[in-house]
Protein backbone atom coordinates (compact mmCIF):
# COMPACT_ATOMS: atom_id res chain seq x y z
CA MET A 1 -3.94 24.12 -2.13
CA LYS A 2 -3.84 21.80 -5.12
CA ILE A 3 -4.93 18.22 -4.55
CA HIS A 4 -1.47 16.78 -5.27
CA GLU A 5 0.01 19.13 -2.64
CA PHE A 6 -2.20 17.36 -0.11
CA LEU A 7 -1.71 13.80 -1.36
CA ILE A 8 2.04 13.65 -2.01
CA PRO A 9 3.09 14.48 1.60
CA GLN A 10 0.45 12.02 2.86
CA LEU A 11 1.90 9.33 0.59
CA GLN A 12 5.45 10.13 1.71
CA GLN A 13 4.46 9.83 5.37
CA GLU A 14 2.69 6.51 4.84
CA VAL A 15 5.61 5.10 2.86
CA THR A 16 8.14 6.17 5.52
CA LEU A 17 6.08 4.40 8.19
CA THR A 18 5.62 1.36 5.97
CA GLU A 19 9.35 1.09 5.31
CA LYS A 20 9.96 0.97 9.07
CA PHE A 21 7.67 -2.04 9.31
CA LEU A 22 9.10 -3.80 6.27
CA LYS A 23 12.67 -3.45 7.50
CA ARG A 24 11.70 -5.12 10.77
CA ILE A 25 10.61 -8.36 9.07
CA PRO A 26 12.97 -11.25 9.79
CA GLU A 27 13.78 -13.10 6.55
CA ASP A 28 13.14 -16.45 8.25
CA LYS A 29 9.54 -15.44 9.08
CA MET A 30 8.36 -14.54 5.56
CA GLY A 31 6.14 -17.64 5.35
CA TRP A 32 4.60 -17.19 8.81
CA LYS A 33 0.91 -16.49 9.30
CA PRO A 34 -1.23 -16.68 12.44
CA HIS A 35 -4.13 -18.58 10.88
CA GLU A 36 -4.75 -20.68 7.79
CA LYS A 37 -7.02 -17.95 6.35
CA SER A 38 -4.45 -15.19 6.97
CA MET A 39 -1.91 -13.87 4.50
CA THR A 40 1.73 -14.69 5.15
CA ILE A 41 4.12 -11.96 6.24
CA LYS A 42 5.61 -12.13 2.74
CA GLN A 43 2.21 -11.60 1.12
CA ILE A 44 1.41 -8.60 3.32
CA ALA A 45 4.86 -7.10 2.74
CA ASN A 46 4.57 -7.47 -1.03
CA HIS A 47 1.09 -6.01 -0.91
CA LEU A 48 2.30 -2.98 1.04
CA ALA A 49 5.08 -2.42 -1.51
CA GLU A 50 2.54 -2.62 -4.32
CA ILE A 51 0.09 -0.03 -2.95
CA PRO A 52 1.77 3.06 -4.46
CA SER A 53 1.48 1.47 -7.92
CA TRP A 54 -2.30 1.58 -7.43
CA ILE A 55 -1.99 5.37 -7.31
CA THR A 56 -0.25 5.33 -10.66
CA GLY A 57 -2.86 2.95 -12.06
CA THR A 58 -5.67 5.16 -10.84
CA MET A 59 -4.20 8.38 -12.17
CA GLU A 60 -2.95 7.06 -15.51
CA ALA A 61 -6.00 5.03 -16.57
CA GLU A 62 -9.78 5.19 -16.45
CA SER A 63 -10.23 1.64 -15.16
CA LEU A 64 -8.61 -1.61 -14.07
CA ASP A 65 -9.85 -5.10 -14.83
CA LEU A 66 -8.80 -7.58 -12.15
CA LYS A 67 -8.85 -10.48 -14.60
CA GLY A 68 -5.29 -11.72 -14.91
CA TYR A 69 -4.02 -9.72 -11.94
CA THR A 70 -1.05 -11.27 -10.17
CA ALA A 71 0.40 -9.95 -6.93
CA PRO A 72 4.13 -9.23 -6.65
CA ASP A 73 6.10 -12.05 -5.08
CA PHE A 74 9.47 -10.82 -3.86
CA ASP A 75 11.23 -13.13 -1.38
CA LYS A 76 13.67 -10.72 0.26
CA VAL A 77 12.88 -7.71 2.42
CA GLU A 78 15.50 -5.67 0.55
CA ASP A 79 13.73 -6.32 -2.77
CA ILE A 80 10.34 -5.49 -1.26
CA VAL A 81 11.64 -2.16 0.05
CA LYS A 82 13.15 -1.38 -3.38
CA GLU A 83 9.77 -2.12 -4.98
CA LEU A 84 8.03 0.17 -2.48
CA LYS A 85 10.43 3.01 -3.32
CA LYS A 86 10.17 2.45 -7.08
CA ASN A 87 6.37 2.40 -6.94
CA THR A 88 6.35 5.50 -4.73
CA ALA A 89 8.46 7.47 -7.20
CA GLY A 90 6.03 6.56 -9.97
CA ALA A 91 3.04 7.43 -7.79
CA GLU A 92 4.42 10.87 -6.92
CA THR A 93 4.93 11.61 -10.60
CA SER A 94 1.42 10.44 -11.49
CA LEU A 95 -0.15 12.60 -8.76
CA ARG A 96 1.21 15.81 -10.28
CA LYS A 97 -1.91 16.43 -12.35
CA ASP A 98 -4.44 19.23 -12.58
CA ASP A 99 -7.19 19.00 -9.99
CA ASP A 100 -9.73 18.23 -12.74
CA GLU A 101 -8.14 14.79 -13.21
CA PHE A 102 -8.93 13.84 -9.61
CA HIS A 103 -12.65 14.40 -10.27
CA ARG A 104 -12.78 12.05 -13.26
CA THR A 105 -14.52 8.72 -12.71
CA TRP A 106 -12.39 5.61 -12.26
CA ARG A 107 -13.74 2.08 -12.47
CA MET A 108 -12.62 -1.31 -11.20
CA THR A 109 -13.97 -4.28 -13.13
CA ARG A 110 -13.68 -8.05 -12.94
CA ASP A 111 -13.99 -9.79 -16.26
CA GLY A 112 -15.91 -6.80 -17.64
CA GLU A 113 -18.34 -6.50 -14.69
CA THR A 114 -18.09 -3.25 -12.71
CA VAL A 115 -17.00 -3.85 -9.10
CA PHE A 116 -17.14 -0.15 -8.24
CA GLU A 117 -16.70 3.27 -9.76
CA MET A 118 -16.06 6.64 -8.16
CA PRO A 119 -14.05 9.81 -8.66
CA LYS A 120 -10.29 9.24 -8.68
CA PHE A 121 -9.80 11.31 -5.53
CA ASN A 122 -12.20 9.03 -3.65
CA VAL A 123 -10.44 5.94 -5.00
CA LEU A 124 -7.10 7.30 -3.80
CA GLN A 125 -8.37 8.08 -0.30
CA ALA A 126 -10.83 5.27 0.36
CA MET A 127 -9.34 2.38 -1.58
CA VAL A 128 -5.60 3.14 -1.74
CA MET A 129 -4.25 5.35 1.04
CA ASN A 130 -6.32 3.56 3.70
CA GLN A 131 -4.62 0.31 2.72
CA PHE A 132 -1.32 1.41 4.30
CA PRO A 133 -2.44 1.64 7.94
CA HIS A 134 -4.73 -1.36 7.54
CA HIS A 135 -1.97 -3.73 6.44
CA ARG A 136 0.69 -2.21 8.70
CA ALA A 137 -1.67 -2.95 11.59
CA GLN A 138 -1.87 -6.55 10.42
CA LEU A 139 1.92 -6.72 10.45
CA GLY A 140 1.91 -5.13 13.91
CA VAL A 141 -0.28 -7.96 15.22
CA TYR A 142 1.96 -10.53 13.54
CA PHE A 143 5.01 -8.86 15.09
CA ARG A 144 3.42 -8.92 18.53
CA LEU A 145 2.58 -12.61 18.18
CA LEU A 146 6.19 -13.31 17.13
CA ASP A 147 7.65 -11.10 19.88
CA ILE A 148 9.10 -8.66 17.33
CA SER A 149 9.23 -5.02 18.39
CA VAL A 150 6.31 -3.07 16.86
CA PRO A 151 7.42 0.26 15.35
CA ALA A 152 5.86 3.51 16.50
CA THR A 153 3.63 4.99 13.80
CA TYR A 154 1.33 7.95 14.43
CA GLY A 155 2.38 7.94 18.05
CA PRO A 156 4.33 5.65 20.36
CA SER A 157 3.91 1.89 20.40
CA ALA A 158 4.28 -0.32 23.49
CA ASP A 159 7.83 -0.96 22.25
CA GLU A 160 8.93 2.52 21.10
CA SER A 161 8.18 6.05 22.16
């Protein structure tokens, strides 16, 4: 099996689950957060929609410098879902590479200083794909605190089977 044949279905599954969460966000709760140090629902949602673009960035470049980075800032759930789908299409295209590309070293820097470097495959698994369940879980906690039904993901939730 080629590496992209493993990663693309994984990405598609994570995006499908993520879209379920995003579509459950009430527009009037976008600014809500459970603690002053927490991200708002809007920030988490935008971050989730952005994650597939990290795949493209990893596969199409050798590094990323965080200097000047700005997070997306869509206000409406509909626009966030569109961004997720657009970024996913780009990510799927960028993953269709020879396996050799996944073994090349990728580097994240901040103002020229290396934050970390590792093979692209490891970046995709450890630093990108794992972001989906992490931030969906955050949204799940927010939903529970707001008495919003938590979608089932890898199995049933207390609200859905």
